[in-house]
């Protein structure tokens, strides 16, 4: 089943006082492109996330959002600068003595004094955090892939319907192609006879001219290649492998064949069918850009 490149996945985990929420958003991109929006404390996990995504998806632009909170009792430590606190206390005692003020200093007030207490984040257990992140990535990626597969199924159905339309257009062109040469023969005969009604026509020369036109206007090869491209596209759409790039190439080749048919056939009705075909191919191209 082909996948779309648009998707979203989310995972929220809490293990042993470590709470992690991970969100993955993906959109179209020619390659696998990843943008991280995470706390600096998690930046060491970028390569871990990148490897996990690369093993699960082929391409797309990913925005990775991570929110982390450590609620463990050992997650922070407080240090007190006793020298600064002593300076505060000495200053308070001096002011109280000089101005007759009551010293109302308490422990809680002392800890709130500037630069007295410093809260420090404890070093993270990188191994535990890595395991937590891998679990979150696995869960978020699974959710994202489900969404990409559902969207891919919808796109695949649309593409298959358009290929049915293109096959019909190709069959109509194939039916009209033999008539082009016959029509040319009839018109050429009529024109020559009207211009040279009293002159004997060189039938051998006329036959050569018609043969040259028939060779120039022959579109059998283009029709065969178109049928082959349609078959290949249908096979890719039923494959479990990423098919977006290959389908994009096939769509370009289909467009090339229709262009060649339009330039070689020299027929209004075929030209109109070519326009219809190219319009469908453009719709194919737009949809294929969304596939992984």
C-alpha atoms as a PDB file:
ATOM      1  CA  UNK A   1       0.000   0.000   0.000  1.00  0.00           C
ATOM      2  CA  UNK A   2       1.398   3.377  -0.975  1.00  0.00           C
ATOM      3  CA  UNK A   3       1.564   6.092   1.661  1.00  0.00           C
ATOM      4  CA  UNK A   4       0.936   9.798   1.619  1.00  0.00           C
ATOM      5  CA  UNK A   5       3.672  12.049   3.004  1.00  0.00           C
ATOM      6  CA  UNK A   6       1.162  13.942   5.155  1.00  0.00           C
ATOM      7  CA  UNK A   7       0.629  12.670   8.664  1.00  0.00           C
ATOM      8  CA  UNK A   8       0.588  13.312  12.393  1.00  0.00           C
ATOM      9  CA  UNK A   9       1.522  11.171  15.368  1.00  0.00           C
ATOM     10  CA  UNK A  10       1.616  11.841  19.104  1.00  0.00           C
ATOM     11  CA  UNK A  11       2.820   9.956  22.162  1.00  0.00           C
ATOM     12  CA  UNK A  12       2.729  10.868  25.854  1.00  0.00           C
ATOM     13  CA  UNK A  13       4.650   8.662  28.264  1.00  0.00           C
ATOM     14  CA  UNK A  14       5.434   8.838  31.964  1.00  0.00           C
ATOM     15  CA  UNK A  15       7.989   6.471  33.457  1.00  0.00           C
ATOM     16  CA  UNK A  16       9.613   6.712  36.888  1.00  0.00           C
ATOM     17  CA  UNK A  17       8.948  10.425  37.262  1.00  0.00           C
ATOM     18  CA  UNK A  18       9.983  11.326  33.717  1.00  0.00           C
ATOM     19  CA  UNK A  19       7.166  12.734  31.574  1.00  0.00           C
ATOM     20  CA  UNK A  20       7.672  13.021  27.805  1.00  0.00           C
ATOM     21  CA  UNK A  21       5.291  14.143  25.076  1.00  0.00           C
ATOM     22  CA  UNK A  22       6.390  13.771  21.445  1.00  0.00           C
ATOM     23  CA  UNK A  23       4.572  15.080  18.367  1.00  0.00           C
ATOM     24  CA  UNK A  24       5.478  14.316  14.752  1.00  0.00           C
ATOM     25  CA  UNK A  25       4.077  16.262  11.810  1.00  0.00           C
ATOM     26  CA  UNK A  26       5.013  15.388   8.230  1.00  0.00           C
ATOM     27  CA  UNK A  27       4.378  17.037   4.857  1.00  0.00           C
ATOM     28  CA  UNK A  28       5.712  16.655   1.317  1.00  0.00           C
ATOM     29  CA  UNK A  29       9.437  16.805   0.614  1.00  0.00           C
ATOM     30  CA  UNK A  30      11.745  15.305  -1.993  1.00  0.00           C
ATOM     31  CA  UNK A  31      13.934  13.750   0.690  1.00  0.00           C
ATOM     32  CA  UNK A  32      13.812  12.912   4.405  1.00  0.00           C
ATOM     33  CA  UNK A  33      14.126  16.287   6.102  1.00  0.00           C
ATOM     34  CA  UNK A  34      13.770  16.665   9.881  1.00  0.00           C
ATOM     35  CA  UNK A  35      13.368  19.827  11.940  1.00  0.00           C
ATOM     36  CA  UNK A  36      13.601  19.643  15.740  1.00  0.00           C
ATOM     37  CA  UNK A  37      11.808  21.829  18.270  1.00  0.00           C
ATOM     38  CA  UNK A  38      12.903  20.437  21.616  1.00  0.00           C
ATOM     39  CA  UNK A  39      14.394  21.610  24.910  1.00  0.00           C
ATOM     40  CA  UNK A  40      18.167  21.870  24.868  1.00  0.00           C
ATOM     41  CA  UNK A  41      18.313  19.140  27.487  1.00  0.00           C
ATOM     42  CA  UNK A  42      17.005  16.705  24.831  1.00  0.00           C
ATOM     43  CA  UNK A  43      19.256  17.808  21.972  1.00  0.00           C
ATOM     44  CA  UNK A  44      21.535  14.787  22.480  1.00  0.00           C
ATOM     45  CA  UNK A  45      18.612  12.626  21.309  1.00  0.00           C
ATOM     46  CA  UNK A  46      18.341  14.179  17.825  1.00  0.00           C
ATOM     47  CA  UNK A  47      20.427  11.470  16.148  1.00  0.00           C
ATOM     48  CA  UNK A  48      18.410   8.779  17.940  1.00  0.00           C
ATOM     49  CA  UNK A  49      15.159  10.258  16.635  1.00  0.00           C
ATOM     50  CA  UNK A  50      16.587  10.761  13.155  1.00  0.00           C
ATOM     51  CA  UNK A  51      17.687   7.117  12.928  1.00  0.00           C
ATOM     52  CA  UNK A  52      14.314   5.870  14.179  1.00  0.00           C
ATOM     53  CA  UNK A  53      12.447   7.942  11.578  1.00  0.00           C
ATOM     54  CA  UNK A  54      14.798   6.927   8.757  1.00  0.00           C
ATOM     55  CA  UNK A  55      14.117   3.252   9.487  1.00  0.00           C
ATOM     56  CA  UNK A  56      10.346   3.787   9.362  1.00  0.00           C
ATOM     57  CA  UNK A  57       9.742   6.241   6.488  1.00  0.00           C
ATOM     58  CA  UNK A  58      11.374   7.024   3.153  1.00  0.00           C
ATOM     59  CA  UNK A  59      10.863  10.753   2.762  1.00  0.00           C
ATOM     60  CA  UNK A  60       8.917  13.823   3.821  1.00  0.00           C
ATOM     61  CA  UNK A  61       9.570  16.915   5.918  1.00  0.00           C
ATOM     62  CA  UNK A  62       9.129  16.205   9.624  1.00  0.00           C
ATOM     63  CA  UNK A  63       8.625  18.668  12.452  1.00  0.00           C
ATOM     64  CA  UNK A  64       9.516  17.014  15.744  1.00  0.00           C
ATOM     65  CA  UNK A  65       8.116  18.617  18.904  1.00  0.00           C
ATOM     66  CA  UNK A  66       9.158  17.292  22.319  1.00  0.00           C
ATOM     67  CA  UNK A  67       8.002  18.412  25.766  1.00  0.00           C
ATOM     68  CA  UNK A  68       9.782  17.007  28.818  1.00  0.00           C
ATOM     69  CA  UNK A  69       9.381  17.285  32.579  1.00  0.00           C
ATOM     70  CA  UNK A  70      11.310  15.540  35.307  1.00  0.00           C
ATOM     71  CA  UNK A  71       9.266  15.265  38.509  1.00  0.00           C
ATOM     72  CA  UNK A  72      11.677  13.044  40.398  1.00  0.00           C
ATOM     73  CA  UNK A  73      12.764  14.187  43.861  1.00  0.00           C
ATOM     74  CA  UNK A  74      16.414  14.061  42.782  1.00  0.00           C
ATOM     75  CA  UNK A  75      15.860  16.086  39.611  1.00  0.00           C
ATOM     76  CA  UNK A  76      17.012  19.355  41.233  1.00  0.00           C
ATOM     77  CA  UNK A  77      19.447  20.430  43.930  1.00  0.00           C
ATOM     78  CA  UNK A  78      19.746  23.666  45.902  1.00  0.00           C
ATOM     79  CA  UNK A  79      23.046  25.209  46.967  1.00  0.00           C
ATOM     80  CA  UNK A  80      23.366  28.145  49.364  1.00  0.00           C
ATOM     81  CA  UNK A  81      26.131  30.720  49.048  1.00  0.00           C
ATOM     82  CA  UNK A  82      26.884  31.162  52.757  1.00  0.00           C
ATOM     83  CA  UNK A  83      29.342  33.973  52.167  1.00  0.00           C
ATOM     84  CA  UNK A  84      26.724  36.115  50.439  1.00  0.00           C
ATOM     85  CA  UNK A  85      24.138  35.192  53.102  1.00  0.00           C
ATOM     86  CA  UNK A  86      26.594  36.195  55.850  1.00  0.00           C
ATOM     87  CA  UNK A  87      27.147  39.523  54.116  1.00  0.00           C
ATOM     88  CA  UNK A  88      23.362  40.081  53.981  1.00  0.00           C
ATOM     89  CA  UNK A  89      23.004  39.236  57.692  1.00  0.00           C
ATOM     90  CA  UNK A  90      25.892  41.489  58.733  1.00  0.00           C
ATOM     91  CA  UNK A  91      24.378  44.323  56.706  1.00  0.00           C
ATOM     92  CA  UNK A  92      20.959  43.728  58.301  1.00  0.00           C
ATOM     93  CA  UNK A  93      22.462  43.726  61.816  1.00  0.00           C
ATOM     94  CA  UNK A  94      24.334  46.953  61.098  1.00  0.00           C
ATOM     95  CA  UNK A  95      21.217  48.697  59.790  1.00  0.00           C
ATOM     96  CA  UNK A  96      19.212  47.494  62.814  1.00  0.00           C
ATOM     97  CA  UNK A  97      21.820  48.813  65.198  1.00  0.00           C
ATOM     98  CA  UNK A  98      22.299  52.149  63.456  1.00  0.00           C
ATOM     99  CA  UNK A  99      18.624  52.930  62.953  1.00  0.00           C
ATOM    100  CA  UNK A 100      16.967  51.048  65.773  1.00  0.00           C
ATOM    101  CA  UNK A 101      15.151  48.652  63.492  1.00  0.00           C
ATOM    102  CA  UNK A 102      13.990  45.167  64.427  1.00  0.00           C
ATOM    103  CA  UNK A 103      15.741  42.425  62.475  1.00  0.00           C
ATOM    104  CA  UNK A 104      12.864  40.243  61.118  1.00  0.00           C
ATOM    105  CA  UNK A 105      15.067  37.982  59.004  1.00  0.00           C
ATOM    106  CA  UNK A 106      13.852  34.374  58.725  1.00  0.00           C
ATOM    107  CA  UNK A 107      15.181  31.349  56.911  1.00  0.00           C
ATOM    108  CA  UNK A 108      12.543  31.562  54.181  1.00  0.00           C
ATOM    109  CA  UNK A 109      13.289  35.263  53.663  1.00  0.00           C
ATOM    110  CA  UNK A 110      17.006  34.586  53.610  1.00  0.00           C
ATOM    111  CA  UNK A 111      16.614  31.975  50.855  1.00  0.00           C
ATOM    112  CA  UNK A 112      14.707  34.479  48.734  1.00  0.00           C
ATOM    113  CA  UNK A 113      17.548  37.008  48.826  1.00  0.00           C
ATOM    114  CA  UNK A 114      19.236  37.514  45.452  1.00  0.00           C
ATOM    115  CA  UNK A 115      22.084  35.103  44.674  1.00  0.00           C
ATOM    116  CA  UNK A 116      21.788  33.312  48.020  1.00  0.00           C
ATOM    117  CA  UNK A 117      20.101  30.140  46.761  1.00  0.00           C
ATOM    118  CA  UNK A 118      20.791  28.526  43.398  1.00  0.00           C
ATOM    119  CA  UNK A 119      18.590  25.789  41.952  1.00  0.00           C
ATOM    120  CA  UNK A 120      20.511  23.377  39.735  1.00  0.00           C
ATOM    121  CA  UNK A 121      19.077  20.763  37.404  1.00  0.00           C
ATOM    122  CA  UNK A 122      20.558  17.389  38.181  1.00  0.00           C
ATOM    123  CA  UNK A 123      22.304  15.483  35.409  1.00  0.00           C
ATOM    124  CA  UNK A 124      19.808  13.379  33.494  1.00  0.00           C
ATOM    125  CA  UNK A 125      20.046   9.632  33.265  1.00  0.00           C
ATOM    126  CA  UNK A 126      20.719   9.631  29.511  1.00  0.00           C
ATOM    127  CA  UNK A 127      20.163   5.902  29.169  1.00  0.00           C
ATOM    128  CA  UNK A 128      16.719   6.049  30.805  1.00  0.00           C
ATOM    129  CA  UNK A 129      15.787   9.123  28.783  1.00  0.00           C
ATOM    130  CA  UNK A 130      16.945   7.490  25.540  1.00  0.00           C
ATOM    131  CA  UNK A 131      14.761   4.446  26.211  1.00  0.00           C
ATOM    132  CA  UNK A 132      11.811   6.706  26.983  1.00  0.00           C
ATOM    133  CA  UNK A 133      12.339   8.667  23.757  1.00  0.00           C
ATOM    134  CA  UNK A 134      12.613   5.498  21.644  1.00  0.00           C
ATOM    135  CA  UNK A 135       9.321   4.247  23.070  1.00  0.00           C
ATOM    136  CA  UNK A 136       7.678   7.610  22.358  1.00  0.00           C
ATOM    137  CA  UNK A 137       9.043   7.717  18.796  1.00  0.00           C
ATOM    138  CA  UNK A 138       7.835   4.173  18.114  1.00  0.00           C
ATOM    139  CA  UNK A 139       4.321   4.984  19.299  1.00  0.00           C
ATOM    140  CA  UNK A 140       4.127   8.358  17.492  1.00  0.00           C
ATOM    141  CA  UNK A 141       5.516   6.918  14.241  1.00  0.00           C
ATOM    142  CA  UNK A 142       2.995   4.068  14.300  1.00  0.00           C
ATOM    143  CA  UNK A 143       0.155   6.574  14.632  1.00  0.00           C
ATOM    144  CA  UNK A 144       1.628   8.764  11.888  1.00  0.00           C
ATOM    145  CA  UNK A 145       2.041   5.824   9.490  1.00  0.00           C
ATOM    146  CA  UNK A 146      -1.597   4.806   9.973  1.00  0.00           C
ATOM    147  CA  UNK A 147      -2.642   8.299   8.915  1.00  0.00           C
ATOM    148  CA  UNK A 148      -0.223   8.296   5.949  1.00  0.00           C
ATOM    149  CA  UNK A 149      -1.550   4.904   4.812  1.00  0.00           C
ATOM    150  CA  UNK A 150      -5.183   6.023   4.975  1.00  0.00           C
ATOM    151  CA  UNK A 151      -4.395   9.136   2.949  1.00  0.00           C
ATOM    152  CA  UNK A 152      -2.252   7.052   0.588  1.00  0.00           C
ATOM    153  CA  UNK A 153      -5.175   4.674  -0.006  1.00  0.00           C
ATOM    154  CA  UNK A 154      -7.429   7.586  -0.923  1.00  0.00           C
ATOM    155  CA  UNK A 155      -4.833   9.018  -3.311  1.00  0.00           C
ATOM    156  CA  UNK A 156      -4.184   5.579  -4.817  1.00  0.00           C
ATOM    157  CA  UNK A 157      -7.875   5.116  -5.647  1.00  0.00           C
ATOM    158  CA  UNK A 158      -7.952   8.501  -7.324  1.00  0.00           C
ATOM    159  CA  UNK A 159      -4.829   7.716  -9.350  1.00  0.00           C
ATOM    160  CA  UNK A 160      -6.191   4.339 -10.468  1.00  0.00           C
ATOM    161  CA  UNK A 161      -9.430   5.979 -11.601  1.00  0.00           C
ATOM    162  CA  UNK A 162      -7.459   8.511 -13.633  1.00  0.00           C
ATOM    163  CA  UNK A 163      -5.381   5.755 -15.220  1.00  0.00           C
ATOM    164  CA  UNK A 164      -8.650   4.095 -16.304  1.00  0.00           C
ATOM    165  CA  UNK A 165      -9.589   7.382 -17.970  1.00  0.00           C
ATOM    166  CA  UNK A 166      -6.172   7.593 -19.618  1.00  0.00           C
ATOM    167  CA  UNK A 167      -6.461   4.024 -20.918  1.00  0.00           C
ATOM    168  CA  UNK A 168      -9.796   4.979 -22.494  1.00  0.00           C
ATOM    169  CA  UNK A 169      -8.222   8.039 -24.132  1.00  0.00           C
ATOM    170  CA  UNK A 170      -5.364   5.893 -25.420  1.00  0.00           C
ATOM    171  CA  UNK A 171      -7.819   3.384 -26.914  1.00  0.00           C
ATOM    172  CA  UNK A 172      -9.692   6.153 -28.694  1.00  0.00           C
ATOM    173  CA  UNK A 173      -6.438   7.487 -30.142  1.00  0.00           C
ATOM    174  CA  UNK A 174      -5.428   3.984 -31.222  1.00  0.00           C
ATOM    175  CA  UNK A 175      -8.786   3.630 -32.982  1.00  0.00           C
ATOM    176  CA  UNK A 176      -8.393   6.898 -34.854  1.00  0.00           C
ATOM    177  CA  UNK A 177      -4.699   6.494 -35.782  1.00  0.00           C
ATOM    178  CA  UNK A 178      -5.232   4.261 -38.881  1.00  0.00           C
ATOM    179  CA  UNK A 179      -7.831   6.691 -40.213  1.00  0.00           C
ATOM    180  CA  UNK A 180      -5.312   9.554 -40.226  1.00  0.00           C
ATOM    181  CA  UNK A 181      -3.317   8.105 -43.109  1.00  0.00           C
ATOM    182  CA  UNK A 182      -6.437   7.180 -45.064  1.00  0.00           C
ATOM    183  CA  UNK A 183      -7.837  10.661 -44.551  1.00  0.00           C
ATOM    184  CA  UNK A 184      -4.539  12.126 -45.735  1.00  0.00           C
ATOM    185  CA  UNK A 185      -4.645   9.885 -48.824  1.00  0.00           C
ATOM    186  CA  UNK A 186      -8.187  10.978 -49.676  1.00  0.00           C
ATOM    187  CA  UNK A 187      -7.485  14.674 -49.188  1.00  0.00           C
ATOM    188  CA  UNK A 188      -4.220  14.520 -51.142  1.00  0.00           C
ATOM    189  CA  UNK A 189      -5.931  12.740 -54.049  1.00  0.00           C
ATOM    190  CA  UNK A 190      -8.761  15.236 -54.103  1.00  0.00           C
ATOM    191  CA  UNK A 191      -6.416  18.206 -54.011  1.00  0.00           C
ATOM    192  CA  UNK A 192      -4.173  16.891 -56.769  1.00  0.00           C
ATOM    193  CA  UNK A 193      -7.118  16.044 -58.979  1.00  0.00           C
ATOM    194  CA  UNK A 194      -8.654  19.482 -58.518  1.00  0.00           C
ATOM    195  CA  UNK A 195      -5.382  21.212 -59.363  1.00  0.00           C
ATOM    196  CA  UNK A 196      -4.243  18.888 -62.110  1.00  0.00           C
ATOM    197  CA  UNK A 197      -7.478  17.566 -63.560  1.00  0.00           C
ATOM    198  CA  UNK A 198      -6.051  17.457 -67.097  1.00  0.00           C
ATOM    199  CA  UNK A 199      -2.647  16.055 -66.151  1.00  0.00           C
ATOM    200  CA  UNK A 200      -1.953  12.405 -65.519  1.00  0.00           C
ATOM    201  CA  UNK A 201      -1.085  11.766 -61.873  1.00  0.00           C
ATOM    202  CA  UNK A 202       2.069   9.814 -61.073  1.00  0.00           C
ATOM    203  CA  UNK A 203       0.501   7.156 -58.872  1.00  0.00           C
ATOM    204  CA  UNK A 204       3.874   5.769 -57.785  1.00  0.00           C
ATOM    205  CA  UNK A 205       4.981   9.206 -56.609  1.00  0.00           C
ATOM    206  CA  UNK A 206       1.677   9.633 -54.817  1.00  0.00           C
ATOM    207  CA  UNK A 207       2.069   6.266 -53.110  1.00  0.00           C
ATOM    208  CA  UNK A 208       5.571   7.239 -51.971  1.00  0.00           C
ATOM    209  CA  UNK A 209       4.296  10.527 -50.546  1.00  0.00           C
ATOM    210  CA  UNK A 210       1.556   8.733 -48.645  1.00  0.00           C
ATOM    211  CA  UNK A 211       4.025   6.130 -47.367  1.00  0.00           C
ATOM    212  CA  UNK A 212       6.333   8.871 -46.090  1.00  0.00           C
ATOM    213  CA  UNK A 213       3.438  10.560 -44.318  1.00  0.00           C
ATOM    214  CA  UNK A 214       2.295   7.253 -42.829  1.00  0.00           C
ATOM    215  CA  UNK A 215       5.784   6.632 -41.426  1.00  0.00           C
ATOM    216  CA  UNK A 216       6.020  10.138 -40.015  1.00  0.00           C
ATOM    217  CA  UNK A 217       2.541   9.986 -38.473  1.00  0.00           C
ATOM    218  CA  UNK A 218       2.922   6.470 -37.070  1.00  0.00           C
ATOM    219  CA  UNK A 219       2.292   6.510 -33.292  1.00  0.00           C
ATOM    220  CA  UNK A 220       2.267   2.771 -32.611  1.00  0.00           C
ATOM    221  CA  UNK A 221       5.429   2.928 -30.480  1.00  0.00           C
ATOM    222  CA  UNK A 222       4.052   5.774 -28.370  1.00  0.00           C
ATOM    223  CA  UNK A 223       0.791   3.900 -27.820  1.00  0.00           C
ATOM    224  CA  UNK A 224       2.663   0.756 -26.762  1.00  0.00           C
ATOM    225  CA  UNK A 225       4.835   2.734 -24.339  1.00  0.00           C
ATOM    226  CA  UNK A 226       1.769   4.459 -22.892  1.00  0.00           C
ATOM    227  CA  UNK A 227       0.138   1.102 -22.185  1.00  0.00           C
ATOM    228  CA  UNK A 228       3.358  -0.066 -20.550  1.00  0.00           C
ATOM    229  CA  UNK A 229       3.547   3.063 -18.377  1.00  0.00           C
ATOM    230  CA  UNK A 230      -0.056   2.583 -17.245  1.00  0.00           C
ATOM    231  CA  UNK A 231       0.652  -1.040 -16.281  1.00  0.00           C
ATOM    232  CA  UNK A 232       3.811  -0.032 -14.404  1.00  0.00           C
ATOM    233  CA  UNK A 233       1.962   2.708 -12.511  1.00  0.00           C
ATOM    234  CA  UNK A 234      -0.775   0.284 -11.429  1.00  0.00           C
ATOM    235  CA  UNK A 235       1.860  -2.202 -10.252  1.00  0.00           C
ATOM    236  CA  UNK A 236       3.575   0.486  -8.175  1.00  0.00           C
ATOM    237  CA  UNK A 237       0.286   1.553  -6.612  1.00  0.00           C
ATOM    238  CA  UNK A 238      -0.307  -1.999  -5.402  1.00  0.00           C
ATOM    239  CA  UNK A 239       3.233  -2.322  -4.040  1.00  0.00           C
ATOM    240  CA  UNK A 240       4.161  -2.000  -0.369  1.00  0.00           C
ATOM    241  CA  UNK A 241       7.364  -0.129  -1.257  1.00  0.00           C
ATOM    242  CA  UNK A 242       7.643   3.693  -1.435  1.00  0.00           C
ATOM    243  CA  UNK A 243       6.557   4.548  -4.982  1.00  0.00           C
ATOM    244  CA  UNK A 244       6.322   8.342  -5.169  1.00  0.00           C
ATOM    245  CA  UNK A 245       9.571   9.003  -7.041  1.00  0.00           C
ATOM    246  CA  UNK A 246       9.043   6.188  -9.547  1.00  0.00           C
ATOM    247  CA  UNK A 247       5.472   7.297 -10.170  1.00  0.00           C
ATOM    248  CA  UNK A 248       6.648  10.862 -10.683  1.00  0.00           C
ATOM    249  CA  UNK A 249       9.060   9.613 -13.362  1.00  0.00           C
ATOM    250  CA  UNK A 250       6.312   7.559 -15.048  1.00  0.00           C
ATOM    251  CA  UNK A 251       3.990  10.565 -15.138  1.00  0.00           C
ATOM    252  CA  UNK A 252       6.711  12.569 -16.890  1.00  0.00           C
ATOM    253  CA  UNK A 253       7.109   9.782 -19.442  1.00  0.00           C
ATOM    254  CA  UNK A 254       3.338   9.595 -20.026  1.00  0.00           C
ATOM    255  CA  UNK A 255       3.301  13.317 -20.694  1.00  0.00           C
ATOM    256  CA  UNK A 256       6.210  12.919 -23.099  1.00  0.00           C
ATOM    257  CA  UNK A 257       4.372  10.227 -25.076  1.00  0.00           C
ATOM    258  CA  UNK A 258       1.221  12.335 -25.356  1.00  0.00           C
ATOM    259  CA  UNK A 259       3.281  15.303 -26.559  1.00  0.00           C
ATOM    260  CA  UNK A 260       4.909  13.124 -29.236  1.00  0.00           C
ATOM    261  CA  UNK A 261       1.535  11.730 -30.327  1.00  0.00           C
ATOM    262  CA  UNK A 262       0.142  15.257 -30.641  1.00  0.00           C
ATOM    263  CA  UNK A 263       3.058  16.427 -32.776  1.00  0.00           C
ATOM    264  CA  UNK A 264       3.113  13.335 -35.037  1.00  0.00           C
ATOM    265  CA  UNK A 265      -0.563  12.549 -35.595  1.00  0.00           C
ATOM    266  CA  UNK A 266      -1.481  15.768 -37.435  1.00  0.00           C
ATOM    267  CA  UNK A 267      -5.178  15.233 -36.744  1.00  0.00           C
ATOM    268  CA  UNK A 268      -7.663  17.489 -34.972  1.00  0.00           C
ATOM    269  CA  UNK A 269      -9.612  14.742 -33.250  1.00  0.00           C
ATOM    270  CA  UNK A 270      -6.422  13.110 -31.940  1.00  0.00           C
ATOM    271  CA  UNK A 271      -5.110  16.519 -30.884  1.00  0.00           C
ATOM    272  CA  UNK A 272      -8.274  17.019 -28.807  1.00  0.00           C
ATOM    273  CA  UNK A 273      -7.776  13.623 -27.170  1.00  0.00           C
ATOM    274  CA  UNK A 274      -4.152  14.486 -26.444  1.00  0.00           C
ATOM    275  CA  UNK A 275      -5.299  17.627 -24.643  1.00  0.00           C
ATOM    276  CA  UNK A 276      -7.717  15.538 -22.568  1.00  0.00           C
ATOM    277  CA  UNK A 277      -4.928  13.091 -21.766  1.00  0.00           C
ATOM    278  CA  UNK A 278      -2.496  15.796 -20.704  1.00  0.00           C
ATOM    279  CA  UNK A 279      -5.152  17.327 -18.450  1.00  0.00           C
ATOM    280  CA  UNK A 280      -5.543  13.983 -16.665  1.00  0.00           C
ATOM    281  CA  UNK A 281      -1.782  13.577 -16.437  1.00  0.00           C
ATOM    282  CA  UNK A 282      -1.488  16.979 -14.766  1.00  0.00           C
ATOM    283  CA  UNK A 283      -3.983  15.794 -12.143  1.00  0.00           C
ATOM    284  CA  UNK A 284      -1.898  12.640 -11.746  1.00  0.00           C
ATOM    285  CA  UNK A 285       1.227  14.734 -11.271  1.00  0.00           C
ATOM    286  CA  UNK A 286      -0.382  16.814  -8.515  1.00  0.00           C
ATOM    287  CA  UNK A 287      -1.460  13.729  -6.607  1.00  0.00           C
ATOM    288  CA  UNK A 288       1.806  11.836  -7.060  1.00  0.00           C
ATOM    289  CA  UNK A 289       3.664  14.717  -5.394  1.00  0.00           C
ATOM    290  CA  UNK A 290       1.893  13.718  -2.162  1.00  0.00           C
ATOM    291  CA  UNK A 291       3.127  10.114  -2.151  1.00  0.00           C
ATOM    292  CA  UNK A 292       6.074   8.805  -0.162  1.00  0.00           C
END
